[in-house]
Protein backbone atom coordinates (compact mmCIF):
# COMPACT_ATOMS: atom_id res chain seq x y z
CA MET A 1 -5.74 -114.38 -93.64
CA PHE A 2 -5.53 -118.18 -93.89
CA LEU A 3 -5.98 -119.40 -90.31
CA LYS A 4 -5.50 -123.15 -90.58
CA ASP A 5 -2.84 -124.23 -88.05
CA LYS A 6 -2.19 -120.60 -87.00
CA ARG A 7 -1.85 -119.87 -83.30
CA VAL A 8 -4.30 -117.12 -82.36
CA LEU A 9 -4.35 -115.40 -78.99
CA VAL A 10 -7.88 -114.39 -77.97
CA PHE A 11 -7.52 -111.67 -75.31
CA GLY A 12 -10.63 -111.70 -73.11
CA ALA A 13 -12.91 -114.58 -72.10
CA GLY A 14 -16.21 -112.73 -72.30
CA LYS A 15 -19.03 -113.14 -74.81
CA SER A 16 -17.10 -111.80 -77.82
CA GLY A 17 -14.01 -113.83 -76.93
CA ILE A 18 -16.04 -117.04 -76.69
CA SER A 19 -17.71 -116.37 -80.05
CA ALA A 20 -14.38 -115.51 -81.68
CA THR A 21 -12.91 -118.75 -80.37
CA SER A 22 -15.71 -120.79 -81.94
CA LEU A 23 -15.16 -119.15 -85.33
CA LEU A 24 -11.38 -119.59 -85.14
CA GLN A 25 -11.70 -123.27 -84.26
CA SER A 26 -13.99 -123.76 -87.25
CA GLN A 27 -11.12 -122.49 -89.41
CA GLU A 28 -8.76 -125.01 -87.76
CA ALA A 29 -6.75 -122.38 -85.93
CA PHE A 30 -5.19 -123.18 -82.57
CA VAL A 31 -6.70 -120.82 -79.98
CA VAL A 32 -4.89 -119.58 -76.91
CA MET A 33 -7.51 -117.82 -74.80
CA TYR A 34 -6.14 -115.37 -72.25
CA ASP A 35 -7.89 -113.73 -69.31
CA SER A 36 -6.42 -112.05 -66.24
CA ASN A 37 -8.91 -113.90 -64.00
CA THR A 38 -6.82 -116.69 -62.45
CA ASN A 39 -9.96 -118.45 -61.18
CA LEU A 40 -10.99 -119.46 -64.71
CA THR A 41 -10.44 -123.02 -65.88
CA ALA A 42 -11.10 -124.70 -69.21
CA CYS A 43 -14.11 -126.38 -67.61
CA ASP A 44 -15.81 -122.97 -67.44
CA PHE A 45 -16.15 -123.12 -71.23
CA VAL A 46 -17.63 -126.59 -71.59
CA GLY A 47 -20.44 -126.46 -74.13
CA LYS A 48 -19.30 -123.10 -75.51
CA PHE A 49 -16.58 -124.41 -77.81
CA ASN A 50 -14.23 -127.39 -78.08
CA ILE A 51 -11.96 -127.27 -75.03
CA LYS A 52 -10.13 -130.53 -75.89
CA HIS A 53 -8.98 -129.71 -79.40
CA ASN A 54 -7.00 -126.71 -80.69
CA PHE A 55 -7.45 -124.85 -77.42
CA MET A 56 -5.38 -123.70 -74.44
CA LEU A 57 -6.38 -121.37 -71.59
CA VAL A 58 -3.85 -118.97 -70.07
CA THR A 59 -4.63 -116.82 -67.02
CA GLY A 60 -2.71 -114.38 -64.88
CA GLU A 61 0.17 -113.11 -67.02
CA ILE A 62 1.21 -113.34 -70.67
CA SER A 63 4.80 -114.50 -70.99
CA ASP A 64 7.26 -113.40 -73.65
CA GLU A 65 7.59 -117.07 -74.59
CA LEU A 66 3.87 -117.27 -75.33
CA ILE A 67 3.94 -114.08 -77.39
CA GLY A 68 6.73 -115.57 -79.46
CA THR A 69 4.41 -118.37 -80.60
CA ILE A 70 1.46 -116.18 -81.67
CA ASP A 71 0.48 -115.40 -85.28
CA LEU A 72 -2.55 -113.20 -84.60
CA LEU A 73 -4.18 -111.38 -81.67
CA ILE A 74 -7.96 -111.00 -81.33
CA ILE A 75 -8.88 -108.52 -78.60
CA SER A 76 -12.27 -108.12 -76.96
CA PRO A 77 -13.87 -104.65 -76.90
CA GLY A 78 -13.19 -104.34 -73.19
CA ILE A 79 -9.42 -104.45 -73.79
CA ALA A 80 -7.88 -101.13 -74.80
CA ILE A 81 -5.63 -101.03 -77.83
CA ASP A 82 -2.96 -99.38 -75.66
CA HIS A 83 -3.10 -102.06 -72.96
CA PRO A 84 0.51 -102.88 -71.96
CA ASP A 85 0.21 -106.53 -73.07
CA VAL A 86 -1.33 -105.48 -76.39
CA GLU A 87 1.54 -103.04 -76.88
CA ARG A 88 4.02 -105.86 -76.22
CA ILE A 89 2.34 -107.98 -78.88
CA LYS A 90 2.13 -105.14 -81.42
CA ALA A 91 5.86 -104.53 -80.91
CA LYS A 92 6.44 -108.01 -82.36
CA ASN A 93 4.54 -106.99 -85.54
CA ILE A 94 1.77 -109.46 -84.74
CA PRO A 95 -1.54 -108.41 -86.39
CA VAL A 96 -4.21 -107.17 -83.97
CA TRP A 97 -7.89 -107.56 -84.85
CA GLY A 98 -11.08 -107.03 -82.92
CA GLU A 99 -13.99 -109.45 -83.01
CA ILE A 100 -15.74 -107.23 -85.58
CA GLU A 101 -12.78 -107.35 -87.97
CA LEU A 102 -12.50 -111.12 -87.57
CA ALA A 103 -16.19 -111.64 -88.33
CA TYR A 104 -16.13 -109.27 -91.30
CA ARG A 105 -13.35 -111.26 -92.98
CA PHE A 106 -15.47 -114.42 -92.89
CA SER A 107 -18.95 -113.03 -93.60
CA ARG A 108 -20.79 -112.37 -96.84
CA GLY A 109 -23.58 -110.03 -97.90
CA ARG A 110 -23.98 -106.32 -97.20
CA ILE A 111 -23.19 -104.76 -93.84
CA VAL A 112 -24.35 -101.50 -92.28
CA GLY A 113 -22.38 -99.95 -89.40
CA ILE A 114 -24.08 -97.66 -86.88
CA THR A 115 -22.16 -95.69 -84.29
CA GLY A 116 -22.38 -92.50 -82.24
CA THR A 117 -22.29 -91.60 -78.57
CA ASN A 118 -26.02 -92.11 -78.10
CA GLY A 119 -28.91 -93.69 -79.96
CA LYS A 120 -26.96 -96.62 -81.45
CA THR A 121 -29.09 -99.39 -80.01
CA THR A 122 -32.43 -97.83 -80.93
CA THR A 123 -31.29 -97.01 -84.46
CA THR A 124 -29.75 -100.45 -84.97
CA SER A 125 -32.85 -102.23 -83.67
CA LEU A 126 -35.15 -100.05 -85.77
CA LEU A 127 -33.10 -100.48 -88.94
CA GLY A 128 -33.04 -104.23 -88.35
CA GLU A 129 -36.84 -104.26 -88.16
CA ILE A 130 -37.12 -102.20 -91.35
CA MET A 131 -34.79 -104.57 -93.19
CA LYS A 132 -36.75 -107.62 -92.02
CA THR A 133 -39.89 -106.28 -93.69
CA TYR A 134 -38.20 -106.43 -97.11
CA TYR A 135 -35.25 -108.82 -96.99
CA ASP A 136 -35.30 -112.51 -96.06
CA GLU A 137 -31.85 -112.80 -94.49
CA VAL A 138 -31.22 -110.10 -91.88
CA TYR A 139 -28.88 -110.19 -88.89
CA VAL A 140 -28.59 -107.59 -86.10
CA VAL A 141 -25.21 -107.83 -84.39
CA GLY A 142 -22.41 -106.06 -82.56
CA ASN A 143 -22.54 -103.89 -79.47
CA ILE A 144 -26.27 -104.59 -79.22
CA GLY A 145 -25.32 -107.89 -77.54
CA ASN A 146 -25.11 -110.36 -80.43
CA PRO A 147 -21.50 -111.10 -81.43
CA TYR A 148 -20.92 -110.71 -85.15
CA THR A 149 -18.73 -113.83 -85.08
CA ASP A 150 -21.76 -115.91 -84.04
CA ILE A 151 -23.39 -115.49 -87.45
CA ALA A 152 -20.52 -114.66 -89.81
CA LEU A 153 -20.19 -118.15 -91.27
CA GLN A 154 -23.98 -118.48 -91.74
CA THR A 155 -24.27 -115.46 -94.02
CA THR A 156 -24.85 -115.69 -97.75
CA ASP A 157 -24.44 -113.14 -100.53
CA GLN A 158 -28.06 -112.12 -99.95
CA ALA A 159 -27.50 -111.28 -96.27
CA VAL A 160 -28.07 -107.83 -94.77
CA ILE A 161 -26.13 -107.33 -91.54
CA VAL A 162 -26.93 -104.37 -89.29
CA ALA A 163 -24.15 -103.79 -86.75
CA GLU A 164 -24.12 -101.50 -83.72
CA LEU A 165 -20.49 -100.43 -83.28
CA SER A 166 -18.97 -98.90 -80.16
CA SER A 167 -15.83 -96.77 -80.15
CA PHE A 168 -14.09 -99.72 -78.49
CA GLN A 169 -14.95 -102.01 -81.40
CA LEU A 170 -13.89 -99.39 -83.94
CA GLU A 171 -10.39 -99.16 -82.45
CA THR A 172 -9.31 -102.25 -84.39
CA ILE A 173 -10.92 -101.71 -87.81
CA GLN A 174 -8.66 -102.62 -90.73
CA ASP A 175 -10.54 -104.01 -93.76
CA PHE A 176 -14.07 -103.58 -92.37
CA LYS A 177 -16.14 -101.76 -95.00
CA PRO A 178 -19.88 -101.15 -94.59
CA VAL A 179 -22.03 -100.31 -97.60
CA ALA A 180 -23.72 -97.72 -95.41
CA SER A 181 -22.78 -96.18 -92.08
CA ALA A 182 -24.25 -93.71 -89.62
CA ILE A 183 -22.60 -91.53 -86.99
CA LEU A 184 -25.54 -90.25 -84.96
CA ASN A 185 -23.81 -87.75 -82.68
CA ILE A 186 -20.55 -87.23 -80.79
CA THR A 187 -20.32 -85.92 -77.25
CA PRO A 188 -17.67 -86.60 -74.60
CA ASP A 189 -17.67 -90.22 -73.44
CA HIS A 190 -15.19 -92.96 -72.54
CA LEU A 191 -12.39 -90.43 -72.13
CA ASN A 192 -10.91 -92.69 -69.46
CA ARG A 193 -10.30 -95.14 -72.33
CA HIS A 194 -9.59 -92.85 -75.31
CA HIS A 195 -7.86 -90.11 -73.25
CA THR A 196 -8.73 -87.17 -75.55
CA MET A 197 -11.78 -86.04 -77.51
CA ASP A 198 -9.71 -86.09 -80.72
CA ASN A 199 -8.98 -89.78 -80.18
CA TYR A 200 -12.62 -90.51 -79.40
CA ILE A 201 -13.80 -88.67 -82.52
CA GLN A 202 -11.29 -90.61 -84.63
CA MET A 203 -12.61 -93.91 -83.32
CA LYS A 204 -16.13 -92.96 -84.38
CA GLU A 205 -14.90 -91.79 -87.77
CA ASN A 206 -13.22 -95.18 -88.26
CA VAL A 207 -16.60 -96.60 -89.30
CA THR A 208 -16.00 -94.80 -92.63
CA LEU A 209 -12.32 -95.76 -92.89
CA ASN A 210 -12.65 -97.93 -96.00
CA GLN A 211 -15.79 -96.45 -97.50
CA THR A 212 -15.70 -94.84 -100.95
CA MET A 213 -18.09 -92.71 -103.01
CA SER A 214 -20.03 -95.90 -103.77
CA GLU A 215 -21.08 -96.11 -100.12
CA LEU A 216 -23.11 -93.86 -97.81
CA CYS A 217 -22.48 -92.22 -94.46
CA ILE A 218 -25.42 -90.52 -92.76
CA LEU A 219 -24.65 -87.75 -90.26
CA ASN A 220 -26.45 -85.45 -87.82
CA TYR A 221 -26.35 -81.94 -89.26
CA GLU A 222 -26.92 -80.42 -85.81
CA ASP A 223 -23.64 -81.88 -84.54
CA GLU A 224 -20.84 -79.45 -85.37
CA ILE A 225 -18.21 -82.18 -85.07
CA LEU A 226 -20.03 -84.22 -87.70
CA ARG A 227 -20.57 -81.26 -90.04
CA ASN A 228 -16.82 -80.71 -89.99
CA MET A 229 -16.14 -84.42 -90.40
CA ALA A 230 -18.32 -84.55 -93.52
CA GLU A 231 -15.84 -82.34 -95.36
CA ARG A 232 -13.07 -84.91 -95.09
CA LEU A 233 -14.99 -88.14 -95.69
CA HIS A 234 -14.45 -90.05 -98.92
CA THR A 235 -18.01 -91.33 -99.11
CA LYS A 236 -21.46 -90.10 -100.04
CA VAL A 237 -22.89 -88.04 -97.17
CA LEU A 238 -26.54 -87.67 -96.25
CA PHE A 239 -27.54 -85.37 -93.38
CA PHE A 240 -30.55 -85.45 -91.08
CA SER A 241 -31.70 -82.58 -88.89
CA SER A 242 -34.20 -82.12 -86.07
CA GLU A 243 -33.84 -78.32 -86.19
CA ARG A 244 -33.92 -77.10 -89.82
CA GLN A 245 -35.05 -77.91 -93.31
CA LEU A 246 -32.41 -79.42 -95.59
CA GLU A 247 -32.19 -79.11 -99.36
CA HIS A 248 -31.07 -82.73 -99.45
CA GLY A 249 -31.63 -85.00 -96.50
CA LEU A 250 -34.12 -85.81 -93.77
CA TYR A 251 -35.59 -83.31 -91.36
CA VAL A 252 -38.46 -82.63 -88.97
CA ASP A 253 -40.87 -79.96 -90.19
CA GLY A 254 -43.34 -79.27 -87.40
CA GLU A 255 -44.64 -82.76 -86.67
CA GLU A 256 -43.71 -84.25 -90.03
CA ILE A 257 -40.56 -86.17 -90.93
CA ILE A 258 -39.60 -85.19 -94.47
CA PHE A 259 -37.11 -86.75 -96.86
CA ASN A 260 -36.02 -84.08 -99.35
CA ASP A 261 -34.48 -85.94 -102.26
CA ASN A 262 -33.38 -82.84 -104.17
CA SER A 263 -36.33 -82.75 -106.56
CA THR A 264 -38.95 -84.46 -104.40
CA LYS A 265 -40.14 -83.97 -100.84
CA ILE A 266 -41.39 -87.26 -99.41
CA GLN A 267 -43.55 -87.20 -96.28
CA VAL A 268 -42.20 -90.16 -94.29
CA CYS A 269 -44.57 -89.97 -91.32
CA ASN A 270 -46.01 -87.78 -88.59
CA VAL A 271 -44.04 -88.02 -85.34
CA ASN A 272 -47.29 -88.77 -83.50
CA GLU A 273 -47.49 -92.03 -85.44
CA LEU A 274 -44.29 -93.21 -83.73
CA ASN A 275 -44.24 -95.23 -80.51
CA ILE A 276 -40.92 -93.74 -79.37
CA ILE A 277 -40.79 -90.27 -77.88
CA GLY A 278 -38.36 -87.37 -77.88
CA LYS A 279 -36.40 -85.38 -80.45
CA HIS A 280 -33.44 -87.74 -80.15
CA ASN A 281 -35.67 -90.61 -81.23
CA TYR A 282 -36.86 -88.66 -84.26
CA GLU A 283 -33.17 -88.34 -85.15
CA ASN A 284 -32.72 -92.09 -84.76
CA VAL A 285 -35.70 -92.68 -87.03
CA MET A 286 -34.32 -90.35 -89.70
CA ALA A 287 -30.94 -92.09 -89.67
CA ALA A 288 -32.60 -95.49 -90.08
CA VAL A 289 -34.89 -94.21 -92.86
CA GLY A 290 -31.97 -92.71 -94.79
CA ILE A 291 -29.99 -95.95 -94.69
CA ALA A 292 -33.01 -98.12 -95.51
CA ASP A 293 -33.79 -95.98 -98.54
CA PHE A 294 -30.18 -96.25 -99.72
CA MET A 295 -30.40 -100.03 -99.27
CA GLY A 296 -33.40 -100.22 -101.59
CA VAL A 297 -36.28 -100.63 -99.15
CA PRO A 298 -39.49 -99.04 -100.55
CA MET A 299 -40.90 -96.19 -98.47
CA GLU A 300 -44.18 -98.01 -97.74
CA TYR A 301 -42.21 -100.81 -96.05
CA ILE A 302 -40.11 -98.27 -94.15
CA LYS A 303 -43.18 -96.41 -92.84
CA LYS A 304 -44.87 -99.61 -91.69
CA ALA A 305 -41.78 -100.63 -89.73
CA ILE A 306 -41.07 -97.29 -88.06
CA THR A 307 -44.70 -96.76 -86.97
CA THR A 308 -44.98 -100.20 -85.35
CA PHE A 309 -41.56 -100.17 -83.68
CA GLN A 310 -41.52 -100.16 -79.87
CA ALA A 311 -38.84 -98.62 -77.66
CA VAL A 312 -35.89 -100.88 -76.94
CA GLU A 313 -35.35 -102.16 -73.44
CA HIS A 314 -33.52 -99.74 -71.11
CA ARG A 315 -33.99 -96.66 -73.36
CA ILE A 316 -36.77 -94.46 -71.93
CA GLU A 317 -38.69 -97.70 -71.51
CA PHE A 318 -42.07 -97.31 -69.83
CA VAL A 319 -42.23 -99.73 -66.89
CA GLU A 320 -45.45 -99.22 -64.89
CA LYS A 321 -47.94 -96.63 -63.71
CA ILE A 322 -48.35 -96.97 -59.94
CA ASP A 323 -50.57 -94.66 -57.86
CA GLY A 324 -50.64 -92.17 -60.72
CA VAL A 325 -46.84 -92.10 -61.14
CA ASN A 326 -45.16 -93.24 -64.38
CA TYR A 327 -41.86 -95.12 -64.03
CA TYR A 328 -39.31 -95.10 -66.86
CA ASN A 329 -36.18 -97.21 -67.27
CA ASP A 330 -33.39 -95.38 -69.11
CA SER A 331 -30.51 -97.43 -67.75
CA LYS A 332 -28.83 -97.12 -71.15
CA GLY A 333 -28.36 -93.43 -70.38
CA THR A 334 -24.73 -94.11 -69.46
CA ASN A 335 -23.39 -90.61 -70.12
CA PRO A 336 -24.69 -87.07 -69.51
CA ASP A 337 -25.73 -86.40 -73.11
CA ALA A 338 -27.82 -89.58 -73.27
CA SER A 339 -29.51 -88.68 -70.01
CA ILE A 340 -30.18 -85.12 -71.18
CA LYS A 341 -32.22 -86.57 -74.03
CA ALA A 342 -34.24 -88.66 -71.59
CA VAL A 343 -34.83 -85.67 -69.32
CA GLN A 344 -35.98 -83.59 -72.29
CA ALA A 345 -38.43 -86.31 -73.30
CA MET A 346 -40.27 -86.15 -69.95
CA LYS A 347 -43.62 -84.36 -70.07
CA SER A 348 -44.36 -84.18 -66.33
CA PRO A 349 -42.53 -83.26 -63.10
CA THR A 350 -39.82 -85.89 -62.74
CA ILE A 351 -37.81 -87.52 -59.99
CA LEU A 352 -34.49 -88.48 -61.53
CA ILE A 353 -32.30 -91.36 -60.30
CA GLY A 354 -28.68 -90.81 -61.33
CA GLY A 355 -25.08 -91.65 -60.57
CA GLY A 356 -22.76 -94.62 -61.05
CA TYR A 357 -19.27 -95.40 -62.30
CA ASP A 358 -16.98 -92.43 -62.95
CA LYS A 359 -15.95 -92.21 -66.63
CA LYS A 360 -14.46 -88.75 -66.01
CA SER A 361 -17.56 -87.05 -67.42
CA GLU A 362 -18.65 -83.56 -66.47
CA PHE A 363 -22.26 -83.04 -65.43
CA ASP A 364 -22.85 -79.30 -65.88
CA GLU A 365 -24.93 -79.53 -69.07
CA TRP A 366 -26.93 -82.40 -67.60
CA VAL A 367 -27.87 -80.34 -64.52
CA GLU A 368 -28.67 -77.33 -66.69
CA ALA A 369 -31.24 -79.49 -68.51
CA PHE A 370 -33.13 -80.04 -65.22
CA HIS A 371 -34.86 -76.63 -65.32
CA GLY A 372 -38.62 -77.06 -65.44
CA LYS A 373 -38.29 -80.86 -65.59
CA ILE A 374 -36.62 -82.34 -62.50
CA LYS A 375 -38.17 -81.85 -59.06
CA LEU A 376 -35.86 -84.19 -57.14
CA LEU A 377 -32.49 -85.82 -57.83
CA VAL A 378 -31.77 -89.17 -56.15
CA LEU A 379 -28.08 -90.07 -56.36
CA LEU A 380 -26.09 -93.27 -55.85
CA GLY A 381 -22.77 -94.75 -56.87
CA GLN A 382 -19.20 -93.54 -57.24
CA THR A 383 -20.19 -90.20 -58.81
CA LYS A 384 -22.93 -89.15 -56.41
CA ASN A 385 -20.85 -86.55 -54.56
CA LYS A 386 -19.40 -85.14 -57.78
CA ILE A 387 -22.89 -84.81 -59.26
CA ALA A 388 -24.30 -83.29 -56.08
CA ASP A 389 -21.55 -80.66 -56.01
CA THR A 390 -22.21 -79.84 -59.67
CA ALA A 391 -25.96 -79.57 -59.05
CA LYS A 392 -25.50 -77.23 -56.10
CA LYS A 393 -23.11 -75.08 -58.14
CA HIS A 394 -25.95 -74.58 -60.60
CA GLY A 395 -28.49 -73.81 -57.86
CA PHE A 396 -30.20 -77.20 -57.71
CA HIS A 397 -30.46 -78.39 -54.09
CA ASP A 398 -33.31 -80.92 -54.08
CA ILE A 399 -31.02 -83.93 -53.69
CA ILE A 400 -31.22 -87.17 -51.73
CA MET A 401 -28.22 -89.51 -51.46
CA VAL A 402 -28.78 -93.27 -51.29
CA ASP A 403 -26.63 -96.38 -51.10
CA SER A 404 -28.48 -98.76 -53.41
CA LEU A 405 -30.85 -98.84 -56.37
CA ALA A 406 -33.53 -100.49 -54.26
CA GLU A 407 -33.33 -97.57 -51.81
CA ALA A 408 -33.42 -95.12 -54.74
CA VAL A 409 -36.69 -96.61 -56.01
CA ARG A 410 -38.23 -96.58 -52.52
CA ILE A 411 -37.23 -92.96 -51.85
CA SER A 412 -38.48 -91.89 -55.28
CA ALA A 413 -41.86 -93.54 -54.71
CA GLU A 414 -42.19 -91.89 -51.29
CA ASN A 415 -41.57 -88.44 -52.80
CA ALA A 416 -43.68 -88.82 -55.96
CA VAL A 417 -47.26 -87.61 -56.26
CA PRO A 418 -49.87 -88.50 -58.90
CA GLY A 419 -48.92 -86.95 -62.21
CA ASP A 420 -45.16 -87.26 -61.56
CA ALA A 421 -42.65 -89.47 -63.36
CA VAL A 422 -39.74 -91.41 -61.89
CA LEU A 423 -36.88 -91.77 -64.34
CA LEU A 424 -33.81 -93.96 -63.97
CA SER A 425 -31.31 -92.23 -66.28
CA PRO A 426 -27.97 -92.37 -64.46
CA ALA A 427 -25.69 -90.38 -66.85
CA CYS A 428 -23.01 -92.85 -65.75
CA ALA A 429 -21.87 -96.37 -66.50
CA SER A 430 -23.11 -99.22 -64.31
CA TRP A 431 -19.78 -100.84 -63.46
CA GLY A 432 -18.86 -101.24 -59.83
CA MET A 433 -22.44 -101.73 -58.63
CA PHE A 434 -23.76 -103.85 -61.52
CA ASP A 435 -22.41 -106.16 -64.21
CA ASN A 436 -23.76 -103.91 -66.97
CA TYR A 437 -26.51 -101.40 -67.72
CA GLU A 438 -28.89 -104.25 -68.61
CA GLN A 439 -28.66 -105.71 -65.12
CA ARG A 440 -29.16 -102.25 -63.61
CA GLY A 441 -32.26 -101.66 -65.73
CA ARG A 442 -33.81 -105.05 -65.04
CA LEU A 443 -33.28 -104.64 -61.29
CA PHE A 444 -34.92 -101.22 -61.48
CA LYS A 445 -37.96 -102.78 -63.15
CA GLU A 446 -38.06 -105.54 -60.53
CA TYR A 447 -37.97 -103.02 -57.67
CA VAL A 448 -40.72 -100.95 -59.29
CA ARG A 449 -42.98 -103.95 -59.90
CA GLU A 450 -42.50 -105.20 -56.36
CA MET A 451 -44.61 -102.19 -55.32
CA LEU A 452 -47.58 -103.76 -57.15
CA ARG A 453 -47.56 -106.83 -54.93
């Protein structure tokens, strides 16, 4: 779409909206930025883009008159596609793109799209590191915290772009077409936004929307939803499995990760050579290896990268050992399935800090995973009573309720003995108490390290 002199409404004044505005202005579009926060002024964006040329800020409400002037809508991931104002705009046959779609239309090179309920950030970070060992121009973008629009215009035909994609970002895919994609797993999440599991599954599947048999999609064989999805995809499919040997694909055989390429079995590495723990992380490694191989990275480069890679921040991240107790930050465990994986990775009796914003998740399977692992559950946030009731229903009664994360850390330390672990893995989003899971995780680490002083 030729954007010169077009009026583009950017819905949302967060990080992706700011980056989208910069790109749009570079194409000589006139940007109308909208946010419901009436306290915002143009001065809040000084230094972020040009506020005196081709720019207008609108807050509060979107008028019909304004909609009548708009040629294109760019919505931030935090804005649902069925938001009433978005519906009003769509009714006028105005195109609706997300920041990912906008960036894709202006970028060059090859892009990889990684999605799934859990493991996206680790897999994206790991794949980015693998690519950097072999290619000179590599960008890691998307839901990982780096807007794709920030780098789109810098890319060349030699670029490799690795994008972490949330279900929110995949709501607005139109032309976006990765050369390789991965859907790591699908379990219930964000149903307050997507309303049904079928809708949520479709958003994840959107990463393959424009792929053909020339491209690759890598899937988790142990996920029944993904096995069924594979039958309807119009792309090459490669499976990975943590439970069984595959005739073609990647799998864990004892302690070895194997790539069975039909005629040849390649030993990728021993899991003990990795610096990230847990079966779920072996799955993340296999997904990254499969894509890297498809993208032409030699196996010796792949092995070097995966065996030197360190855990990403907030994902079963070791913090400190204090008085014989290991503290782990898994703030990115924002749903029950993610937290189950963290619980399963623990090797010692564990005090678990959980609870947070209510995304309408159920916690039965999470509590069932406690057996033999969790000695005490410390709960906070909006969901603490719901989780406590679920735990008691399943016969788990070692629960302490707290009002803050600082109190949760203190109570956990008081109840831990040498040889224990304390794990922050909330199984819930951070909103309401924190700006995001990153802030929650960093505060947890601060509170832990204060005990060293």
